[in-house]
Each structure stands twice: as C-alpha cells, then as structure tokens.
C-alpha cells in the first residue's frame, strides 16, 4: 500500500495551472529544495499540443511494453484494474507511463480511445518517454500529451505494472507527485512549497517586466543595465529555510 497522496487546495492548483512552466521553475529554484539540474523532464520528451496551454495534476504512474504480447487482456486498453488504480489518485490526474522496451516508442499505448477514457476519469495530461498516436483524436479531447515520439501503430502496447516510481526523461516520478506542464515540457512541483511558489512567481515576473521594459526604452544604456541587474539580483533573496 502506498501512503495517501498529499494534495493542495483547489484554488492553488488553478492558479498554478495558469502559470507557464519556466516561471514556475524559476520560482522553485529560489526555495533551494532541490538542485537546479533536477525536477524536470529533459528535452527527449516534447509537448504534442503547445497551443493548449499549461496543465497540472497528480501523477498516476505505470510501465508499459509494446514489443511483446501481453500476459493478460486482449486489447491494449483492456485493463480494468489499471483504470481502478487511476481513480485511486486524486483528481486532477496526470497519467505517467514509462516505456521500458529496449527501444521505447515502438508502439503507442496512448491514442484516441485512451484519451477519451482518461478525460472521462478527470485526467488532464499524459506523459511518456515512448510514443503516442491518433493526434487529432487526442487533441479533440483537450487532453495535453507529452511524448518522445509519434508512431502509426499500438503494436503490442500493454501496461505491465502500475503504482510504482517511474523515470521519464531523467525525472523520477512517484505516484501522487504534483506535475505541471506546458509547451516547454513537464516538471514536478514540491507539495511543501506549492502555495508559496505563487507569490514568488508574481514577484519575479514583476522584476523581469521592469528589466524588459528598460531594455526596450530610449533610456537604455549598458551602465544603467548593470545597475538594474544588480538591484534585481539583490531583490531575489532566498526564502527562509522553514519554507522547505
């Protein structure tokens, strides 16, 4: 049995969903809860529908294969035990599937049928190091998808286990982790600082806006730029250690 999933207030989720991933990433760095080279999926996985905007949800994890036949089930979505597990994670849900084939992406587990089932089960997004297919059908559901590739067939795609820690593009993801994604990719947001991130993002965006506005103004000069950069750097302090 896994420990209960820690959640954050719905209003916090909604506010985080409206933020771009880069701004959220910058804010997380200020809390020093992890090193700057971790906490996000690397560039081997890309966003399928950049125009859909940011999405957020609690991780529902699984592993799959498509190069060999399944031991149970006759079709790639015929796993009611899997769907029952999906419902055990609080909504909104973010499906996370690690393709453990020697060459990930041979066949796609996720397509139009999976997307519609997931949407009906309050899932906002799907991320895999493998592949997806039926892009128009997925897009029509409004569900965001992140994948390493796109393929024609599902081959023998099937889930082999679920509810365990998985690895997607260098990011270790546990069941219930809070994931945030947009056109730039996917990252995890530590639950302990999720609400605090909101205020930090607002402060940083205000300072960045001031700097950008100056760069575009007629008063721009290199000397003034260095002075402004110094002032901005001084304003971005490290939050108290008890914020962790």
C-alpha atoms as a PDB file:
ATOM      1  CA  UNK A   1       0.000   0.000   0.000  1.00  0.00           C
ATOM      2  CA  UNK A   2       1.242   3.466  -0.860  1.00  0.00           C
ATOM      3  CA  UNK A   3       0.902   6.386   1.563  1.00  0.00           C
ATOM      4  CA  UNK A   4      -2.022   8.764   0.973  1.00  0.00           C
ATOM      5  CA  UNK A   5      -1.402  11.375  -1.704  1.00  0.00           C
ATOM      6  CA  UNK A   6      -0.695  14.836  -0.314  1.00  0.00           C
ATOM      7  CA  UNK A   7      -2.791  17.447  -2.055  1.00  0.00           C
ATOM      8  CA  UNK A   8      -3.007  21.220  -2.212  1.00  0.00           C
ATOM      9  CA  UNK A   9      -6.151  23.405  -2.215  1.00  0.00           C
ATOM     10  CA  UNK A  10      -8.065  23.502  -5.488  1.00  0.00           C
ATOM     11  CA  UNK A  11      -7.600  27.277  -5.736  1.00  0.00           C
ATOM     12  CA  UNK A  12      -3.811  26.785  -5.607  1.00  0.00           C
ATOM     13  CA  UNK A  13      -3.955  24.185  -8.386  1.00  0.00           C
ATOM     14  CA  UNK A  14      -5.988  26.527 -10.547  1.00  0.00           C
ATOM     15  CA  UNK A  15      -3.573  29.411 -10.015  1.00  0.00           C
ATOM     16  CA  UNK A  16      -0.560  27.219 -10.763  1.00  0.00           C
ATOM     17  CA  UNK A  17      -2.271  25.958 -13.918  1.00  0.00           C
ATOM     18  CA  UNK A  18      -2.379  29.497 -15.241  1.00  0.00           C
ATOM     19  CA  UNK A  19       1.401  29.925 -14.960  1.00  0.00           C
ATOM     20  CA  UNK A  20       3.976  28.927 -17.554  1.00  0.00           C
ATOM     21  CA  UNK A  21       6.448  26.221 -16.579  1.00  0.00           C
ATOM     22  CA  UNK A  22       9.521  28.428 -16.969  1.00  0.00           C
ATOM     23  CA  UNK A  23       8.237  30.958 -14.438  1.00  0.00           C
ATOM     24  CA  UNK A  24       7.315  28.178 -12.008  1.00  0.00           C
ATOM     25  CA  UNK A  25      10.756  26.595 -12.462  1.00  0.00           C
ATOM     26  CA  UNK A  26      12.464  29.921 -11.711  1.00  0.00           C
ATOM     27  CA  UNK A  27      10.395  30.298  -8.555  1.00  0.00           C
ATOM     28  CA  UNK A  28      11.114  26.768  -7.317  1.00  0.00           C
ATOM     29  CA  UNK A  29      14.850  27.457  -7.613  1.00  0.00           C
ATOM     30  CA  UNK A  30      14.538  30.218  -5.016  1.00  0.00           C
ATOM     31  CA  UNK A  31      13.497  27.746  -2.312  1.00  0.00           C
ATOM     32  CA  UNK A  32      16.588  25.534  -2.698  1.00  0.00           C
ATOM     33  CA  UNK A  33      14.587  22.342  -2.152  1.00  0.00           C
ATOM     34  CA  UNK A  34      16.456  20.606  -4.992  1.00  0.00           C
ATOM     35  CA  UNK A  35      19.394  21.220  -7.278  1.00  0.00           C
ATOM     36  CA  UNK A  36      18.786  23.182 -10.485  1.00  0.00           C
ATOM     37  CA  UNK A  37      19.574  20.229 -12.754  1.00  0.00           C
ATOM     38  CA  UNK A  38      16.723  18.066 -11.468  1.00  0.00           C
ATOM     39  CA  UNK A  39      12.964  18.199 -11.073  1.00  0.00           C
ATOM     40  CA  UNK A  40      12.035  18.315 -14.765  1.00  0.00           C
ATOM     41  CA  UNK A  41      11.756  16.037 -17.802  1.00  0.00           C
ATOM     42  CA  UNK A  42      14.623  16.586 -20.236  1.00  0.00           C
ATOM     43  CA  UNK A  43      14.344  17.509 -23.907  1.00  0.00           C
ATOM     44  CA  UNK A  44      13.895  13.905 -25.071  1.00  0.00           C
ATOM     45  CA  UNK A  45      10.162  14.354 -24.409  1.00  0.00           C
ATOM     46  CA  UNK A  46       8.207  17.112 -26.158  1.00  0.00           C
ATOM     47  CA  UNK A  47       4.777  18.690 -25.927  1.00  0.00           C
ATOM     48  CA  UNK A  48       2.336  17.463 -28.586  1.00  0.00           C
ATOM     49  CA  UNK A  49      -0.112  20.377 -28.392  1.00  0.00           C
ATOM     50  CA  UNK A  50       1.717  23.622 -27.491  1.00  0.00           C
ATOM     51  CA  UNK A  51      -1.398  25.739 -28.083  1.00  0.00           C
ATOM     52  CA  UNK A  52      -3.384  24.033 -25.305  1.00  0.00           C
ATOM     53  CA  UNK A  53      -1.593  25.924 -22.542  1.00  0.00           C
ATOM     54  CA  UNK A  54      -0.390  24.837 -19.090  1.00  0.00           C
ATOM     55  CA  UNK A  55      -1.807  21.792 -17.313  1.00  0.00           C
ATOM     56  CA  UNK A  56      -1.446  20.309 -13.851  1.00  0.00           C
ATOM     57  CA  UNK A  57      -2.320  17.106 -11.996  1.00  0.00           C
ATOM     58  CA  UNK A  58      -1.280  14.360  -9.596  1.00  0.00           C
ATOM     59  CA  UNK A  59       0.854  11.596 -11.105  1.00  0.00           C
ATOM     60  CA  UNK A  60      -0.724   8.241 -11.941  1.00  0.00           C
ATOM     61  CA  UNK A  61       2.247   6.006 -12.765  1.00  0.00           C
ATOM     62  CA  UNK A  62       2.667   2.877 -14.883  1.00  0.00           C
ATOM     63  CA  UNK A  63       5.116   0.956 -17.042  1.00  0.00           C
ATOM     64  CA  UNK A  64       4.365  -0.474 -20.487  1.00  0.00           C
ATOM     65  CA  UNK A  65       5.794  -2.542 -23.327  1.00  0.00           C
ATOM     66  CA  UNK A  66       4.794  -2.838 -26.971  1.00  0.00           C
ATOM     67  CA  UNK A  67       7.400  -5.226 -28.407  1.00  0.00           C
ATOM     68  CA  UNK A  68       5.905  -8.386 -26.883  1.00  0.00           C
ATOM     69  CA  UNK A  69       2.395  -9.773 -26.349  1.00  0.00           C
ATOM     70  CA  UNK A  70       0.615  -9.126 -23.017  1.00  0.00           C
ATOM     71  CA  UNK A  71       0.028 -11.907 -20.474  1.00  0.00           C
ATOM     72  CA  UNK A  72      -3.479 -10.617 -19.701  1.00  0.00           C
ATOM     73  CA  UNK A  73      -6.107  -8.763 -21.705  1.00  0.00           C
ATOM     74  CA  UNK A  74      -6.881  -8.995 -25.385  1.00  0.00           C
ATOM     75  CA  UNK A  75      -6.622  -5.318 -26.215  1.00  0.00           C
ATOM     76  CA  UNK A  76      -4.263  -2.537 -25.255  1.00  0.00           C
ATOM     77  CA  UNK A  77      -6.846  -0.722 -23.117  1.00  0.00           C
ATOM     78  CA  UNK A  78      -8.486  -3.846 -21.609  1.00  0.00           C
ATOM     79  CA  UNK A  79      -7.230  -3.454 -18.015  1.00  0.00           C
ATOM     80  CA  UNK A  80      -9.986  -2.579 -15.559  1.00  0.00           C
ATOM     81  CA  UNK A  81      -7.526  -2.975 -12.688  1.00  0.00           C
ATOM     82  CA  UNK A  82      -5.465  -0.182 -14.272  1.00  0.00           C
ATOM     83  CA  UNK A  83      -8.470   2.103 -14.564  1.00  0.00           C
ATOM     84  CA  UNK A  84      -9.393   1.355 -10.944  1.00  0.00           C
ATOM     85  CA  UNK A  85      -5.898   2.403  -9.916  1.00  0.00           C
ATOM     86  CA  UNK A  86      -6.250   5.634 -11.910  1.00  0.00           C
ATOM     87  CA  UNK A  87      -9.291   6.511  -9.804  1.00  0.00           C
ATOM     88  CA  UNK A  88      -7.344   5.873  -6.581  1.00  0.00           C
ATOM     89  CA  UNK A  89      -5.244   9.004  -7.240  1.00  0.00           C
ATOM     90  CA  UNK A  90      -6.956  12.350  -6.507  1.00  0.00           C
ATOM     91  CA  UNK A  91      -8.141  14.482  -9.412  1.00  0.00           C
ATOM     92  CA  UNK A  92      -6.957  16.240 -11.432  1.00  0.00           C
ATOM     93  CA  UNK A  93      -4.822  13.381 -12.713  1.00  0.00           C
ATOM     94  CA  UNK A  94      -1.658  13.360 -14.831  1.00  0.00           C
ATOM     95  CA  UNK A  95      -1.024   9.948 -16.445  1.00  0.00           C
ATOM     96  CA  UNK A  96       2.676   8.991 -16.447  1.00  0.00           C
ATOM     97  CA  UNK A  97       3.758   5.899 -18.421  1.00  0.00           C
ATOM     98  CA  UNK A  98       7.345   4.710 -18.721  1.00  0.00           C
ATOM     99  CA  UNK A  99       8.044   2.675 -21.858  1.00  0.00           C
ATOM    100  CA  UNK A 100      10.536   0.018 -20.714  1.00  0.00           C
ATOM    101  CA  UNK A 101      11.155  -1.593 -24.115  1.00  0.00           C
ATOM    102  CA  UNK A 102      14.787  -1.744 -25.206  1.00  0.00           C
ATOM    103  CA  UNK A 103      13.841   0.845 -27.819  1.00  0.00           C
ATOM    104  CA  UNK A 104      10.999   2.950 -26.346  1.00  0.00           C
ATOM    105  CA  UNK A 105       8.371   4.131 -28.800  1.00  0.00           C
ATOM    106  CA  UNK A 106       7.877   1.059 -30.998  1.00  0.00           C
ATOM    107  CA  UNK A 107       4.125   1.111 -30.348  1.00  0.00           C
ATOM    108  CA  UNK A 108       1.853   3.677 -28.706  1.00  0.00           C
ATOM    109  CA  UNK A 109      -0.268   2.845 -25.683  1.00  0.00           C
ATOM    110  CA  UNK A 110      -1.969   6.229 -25.797  1.00  0.00           C
ATOM    111  CA  UNK A 111      -4.277   7.279 -28.600  1.00  0.00           C
ATOM    112  CA  UNK A 112      -7.844   8.440 -29.186  1.00  0.00           C
ATOM    113  CA  UNK A 113      -9.551   5.705 -27.124  1.00  0.00           C
ATOM    114  CA  UNK A 114      -7.186   6.069 -24.160  1.00  0.00           C
ATOM    115  CA  UNK A 115      -7.528   9.857 -24.300  1.00  0.00           C
ATOM    116  CA  UNK A 116     -11.308   9.738 -24.146  1.00  0.00           C
ATOM    117  CA  UNK A 117     -11.316   7.278 -21.248  1.00  0.00           C
ATOM    118  CA  UNK A 118      -8.747   9.366 -19.393  1.00  0.00           C
ATOM    119  CA  UNK A 119     -10.683  12.554 -19.975  1.00  0.00           C
ATOM    120  CA  UNK A 120     -13.822  10.916 -18.574  1.00  0.00           C
ATOM    121  CA  UNK A 121     -11.777   9.975 -15.486  1.00  0.00           C
ATOM    122  CA  UNK A 122     -10.676  13.585 -14.790  1.00  0.00           C
ATOM    123  CA  UNK A 123      -7.218  13.271 -16.311  1.00  0.00           C
ATOM    124  CA  UNK A 124      -5.652  16.447 -17.697  1.00  0.00           C
ATOM    125  CA  UNK A 125      -2.492  15.144 -19.326  1.00  0.00           C
ATOM    126  CA  UNK A 126      -0.367  12.180 -20.381  1.00  0.00           C
ATOM    127  CA  UNK A 127       3.415  11.952 -20.444  1.00  0.00           C
ATOM    128  CA  UNK A 128       5.631   9.117 -21.683  1.00  0.00           C
ATOM    129  CA  UNK A 129       9.194   8.559 -22.812  1.00  0.00           C
ATOM    130  CA  UNK A 130       7.645   6.385 -25.518  1.00  0.00           C
ATOM    131  CA  UNK A 131       5.204   7.299 -28.258  1.00  0.00           C
ATOM    132  CA  UNK A 132       1.626   8.431 -28.863  1.00  0.00           C
ATOM    133  CA  UNK A 133      -0.659   8.221 -31.916  1.00  0.00           C
ATOM    134  CA  UNK A 134      -4.088   9.418 -33.147  1.00  0.00           C
ATOM    135  CA  UNK A 135      -3.063  13.022 -32.537  1.00  0.00           C
ATOM    136  CA  UNK A 136      -6.257  14.636 -33.907  1.00  0.00           C
ATOM    137  CA  UNK A 137      -8.364  12.359 -31.707  1.00  0.00           C
ATOM    138  CA  UNK A 138      -6.333  13.176 -28.593  1.00  0.00           C
ATOM    139  CA  UNK A 139      -6.335  16.872 -29.362  1.00  0.00           C
ATOM    140  CA  UNK A 140     -10.124  16.890 -29.726  1.00  0.00           C
ATOM    141  CA  UNK A 141     -10.479  15.807 -26.086  1.00  0.00           C
ATOM    142  CA  UNK A 142      -8.467  18.810 -24.874  1.00  0.00           C
ATOM    143  CA  UNK A 143      -6.115  16.481 -23.013  1.00  0.00           C
ATOM    144  CA  UNK A 144      -2.454  17.519 -23.206  1.00  0.00           C
ATOM    145  CA  UNK A 145       0.157  14.949 -24.240  1.00  0.00           C
ATOM    146  CA  UNK A 146       3.944  14.811 -23.900  1.00  0.00           C
ATOM    147  CA  UNK A 147       5.931  12.064 -25.640  1.00  0.00           C
ATOM    148  CA  UNK A 148       9.267  11.074 -27.051  1.00  0.00           C
ATOM    149  CA  UNK A 149       7.838  10.259 -30.479  1.00  0.00           C
ATOM    150  CA  UNK A 150       4.753   9.707 -32.639  1.00  0.00           C
ATOM    151  CA  UNK A 151       4.029   6.367 -34.347  1.00  0.00           C
ATOM    152  CA  UNK A 152       1.387   4.701 -36.528  1.00  0.00           C
ATOM    153  CA  UNK A 153       0.659   1.524 -34.551  1.00  0.00           C
ATOM    154  CA  UNK A 154      -0.024   0.468 -30.969  1.00  0.00           C
ATOM    155  CA  UNK A 155       1.831  -2.799 -31.778  1.00  0.00           C
ATOM    156  CA  UNK A 156       1.502  -4.963 -28.630  1.00  0.00           C
ATOM    157  CA  UNK A 157       1.231  -1.969 -26.302  1.00  0.00           C
ATOM    158  CA  UNK A 158       0.161  -3.022 -22.805  1.00  0.00           C
ATOM    159  CA  UNK A 159       0.659  -1.999 -19.211  1.00  0.00           C
ATOM    160  CA  UNK A 160       2.882  -4.380 -17.252  1.00  0.00           C
ATOM    161  CA  UNK A 161       2.678  -2.732 -13.813  1.00  0.00           C
ATOM    162  CA  UNK A 162       1.428   0.406 -12.152  1.00  0.00           C
ATOM    163  CA  UNK A 163       1.654   2.390  -8.930  1.00  0.00           C
ATOM    164  CA  UNK A 164       5.461   2.390  -8.772  1.00  0.00           C
ATOM    165  CA  UNK A 165       8.161   5.039  -9.187  1.00  0.00           C
ATOM    166  CA  UNK A 166       8.962   5.598 -12.871  1.00  0.00           C
ATOM    167  CA  UNK A 167      11.571   7.508 -14.842  1.00  0.00           C
ATOM    168  CA  UNK A 168      10.554   9.850 -17.652  1.00  0.00           C
ATOM    169  CA  UNK A 169      13.346  11.778 -19.344  1.00  0.00           C
ATOM    170  CA  UNK A 170      15.549  11.744 -16.243  1.00  0.00           C
ATOM    171  CA  UNK A 171      12.757  12.721 -13.835  1.00  0.00           C
ATOM    172  CA  UNK A 172      11.908  10.211 -11.112  1.00  0.00           C
ATOM    173  CA  UNK A 173       8.135  10.400 -10.632  1.00  0.00           C
ATOM    174  CA  UNK A 174       6.253   8.858  -7.708  1.00  0.00           C
ATOM    175  CA  UNK A 175       2.512   8.207  -7.557  1.00  0.00           C
ATOM    176  CA  UNK A 176       0.777  11.392  -6.443  1.00  0.00           C
ATOM    177  CA  UNK A 177       3.613  13.779  -7.344  1.00  0.00           C
ATOM    178  CA  UNK A 178       2.298  17.156  -8.451  1.00  0.00           C
ATOM    179  CA  UNK A 179       3.188  17.651 -12.127  1.00  0.00           C
ATOM    180  CA  UNK A 180       2.975  20.840 -14.158  1.00  0.00           C
ATOM    181  CA  UNK A 181       3.471  21.058 -17.918  1.00  0.00           C
ATOM    182  CA  UNK A 182       3.141  23.246 -20.986  1.00  0.00           C
ATOM    183  CA  UNK A 183       4.807  23.753 -24.382  1.00  0.00           C
ATOM    184  CA  UNK A 184       8.219  23.784 -22.676  1.00  0.00           C
ATOM    185  CA  UNK A 185       7.831  20.373 -21.023  1.00  0.00           C
ATOM    186  CA  UNK A 186       6.967  18.798 -17.672  1.00  0.00           C
ATOM    187  CA  UNK A 187       8.266  19.419 -14.155  1.00  0.00           C
ATOM    188  CA  UNK A 188       7.345  18.393 -10.624  1.00  0.00           C
ATOM    189  CA  UNK A 189       6.291  20.933  -8.014  1.00  0.00           C
ATOM    190  CA  UNK A 190       7.180  20.017  -4.409  1.00  0.00           C
ATOM    191  CA  UNK A 191       3.926  19.927  -2.457  1.00  0.00           C
ATOM    192  CA  UNK A 192       5.609  21.604   0.522  1.00  0.00           C
ATOM    193  CA  UNK A 193       6.144  24.847  -1.399  1.00  0.00           C
ATOM    194  CA  UNK A 194       3.331  24.703  -3.982  1.00  0.00           C
ATOM    195  CA  UNK A 195       1.337  27.575  -2.495  1.00  0.00           C
ATOM    196  CA  UNK A 196       4.428  29.665  -1.717  1.00  0.00           C
ATOM    197  CA  UNK A 197       5.521  29.380  -5.347  1.00  0.00           C
ATOM    198  CA  UNK A 198       2.587  31.588  -6.385  1.00  0.00           C
ATOM    199  CA  UNK A 199       3.816  34.683  -4.564  1.00  0.00           C
ATOM    200  CA  UNK A 200       7.401  34.127  -5.663  1.00  0.00           C
ATOM    201  CA  UNK A 201       6.350  33.879  -9.312  1.00  0.00           C
ATOM    202  CA  UNK A 202       4.417  37.147  -9.033  1.00  0.00           C
ATOM    203  CA  UNK A 203       7.417  38.975  -7.533  1.00  0.00           C
ATOM    204  CA  UNK A 204       9.840  37.600 -10.121  1.00  0.00           C
ATOM    205  CA  UNK A 205       7.572  38.420 -13.062  1.00  0.00           C
ATOM    206  CA  UNK A 206       7.249  41.998 -11.828  1.00  0.00           C
ATOM    207  CA  UNK A 207      11.024  42.398 -11.653  1.00  0.00           C
ATOM    208  CA  UNK A 208      11.542  40.753 -15.035  1.00  0.00           C
ATOM    209  CA  UNK A 209       8.909  43.014 -16.607  1.00  0.00           C
ATOM    210  CA  UNK A 210      10.694  46.068 -15.255  1.00  0.00           C
ATOM    211  CA  UNK A 211      14.002  44.902 -16.702  1.00  0.00           C
ATOM    212  CA  UNK A 212      12.493  44.060 -20.108  1.00  0.00           C
ATOM    213  CA  UNK A 213      10.736  47.416 -20.265  1.00  0.00           C
ATOM    214  CA  UNK A 214      14.021  49.173 -19.566  1.00  0.00           C
ATOM    215  CA  UNK A 215      15.815  47.224 -22.329  1.00  0.00           C
ATOM    216  CA  UNK A 216      13.189  48.460 -24.789  1.00  0.00           C
ATOM    217  CA  UNK A 217      13.232  52.061 -23.613  1.00  0.00           C
ATOM    218  CA  UNK A 218      15.102  55.048 -25.089  1.00  0.00           C
ATOM    219  CA  UNK A 219      16.873  55.491 -21.744  1.00  0.00           C
ATOM    220  CA  UNK A 220      18.747  52.214 -22.135  1.00  0.00           C
ATOM    221  CA  UNK A 221      22.493  52.214 -21.515  1.00  0.00           C
ATOM    222  CA  UNK A 222      24.913  49.480 -20.555  1.00  0.00           C
ATOM    223  CA  UNK A 223      25.858  51.262 -17.341  1.00  0.00           C
ATOM    224  CA  UNK A 224      22.222  51.564 -16.251  1.00  0.00           C
ATOM    225  CA  UNK A 225      21.644  47.952 -17.266  1.00  0.00           C
ATOM    226  CA  UNK A 226      24.362  46.667 -14.959  1.00  0.00           C
ATOM    227  CA  UNK A 227      22.944  48.750 -12.116  1.00  0.00           C
ATOM    228  CA  UNK A 228      19.428  47.422 -12.677  1.00  0.00           C
ATOM    229  CA  UNK A 229      20.639  43.826 -12.912  1.00  0.00           C
ATOM    230  CA  UNK A 230      22.434  44.265  -9.594  1.00  0.00           C
ATOM    231  CA  UNK A 231      19.300  45.663  -7.957  1.00  0.00           C
ATOM    232  CA  UNK A 232      17.179  42.820  -9.314  1.00  0.00           C
ATOM    233  CA  UNK A 233      19.703  40.262  -8.069  1.00  0.00           C
ATOM    234  CA  UNK A 234      19.619  41.782  -4.612  1.00  0.00           C
ATOM    235  CA  UNK A 235      15.819  41.655  -4.531  1.00  0.00           C
ATOM    236  CA  UNK A 236      15.697  37.958  -5.344  1.00  0.00           C
ATOM    237  CA  UNK A 237      16.578  36.628  -1.934  1.00  0.00           C
ATOM    238  CA  UNK A 238      16.483  33.060  -0.711  1.00  0.00           C
ATOM    239  CA  UNK A 239      13.270  32.285   1.232  1.00  0.00           C
ATOM    240  CA  UNK A 240      13.536  31.222   4.853  1.00  0.00           C
ATOM    241  CA  UNK A 241      14.724  27.659   5.426  1.00  0.00           C
ATOM    242  CA  UNK A 242      11.429  26.834   7.131  1.00  0.00           C
ATOM    243  CA  UNK A 243       9.750  27.215   3.726  1.00  0.00           C
ATOM    244  CA  UNK A 244      11.004  23.743   2.814  1.00  0.00           C
END
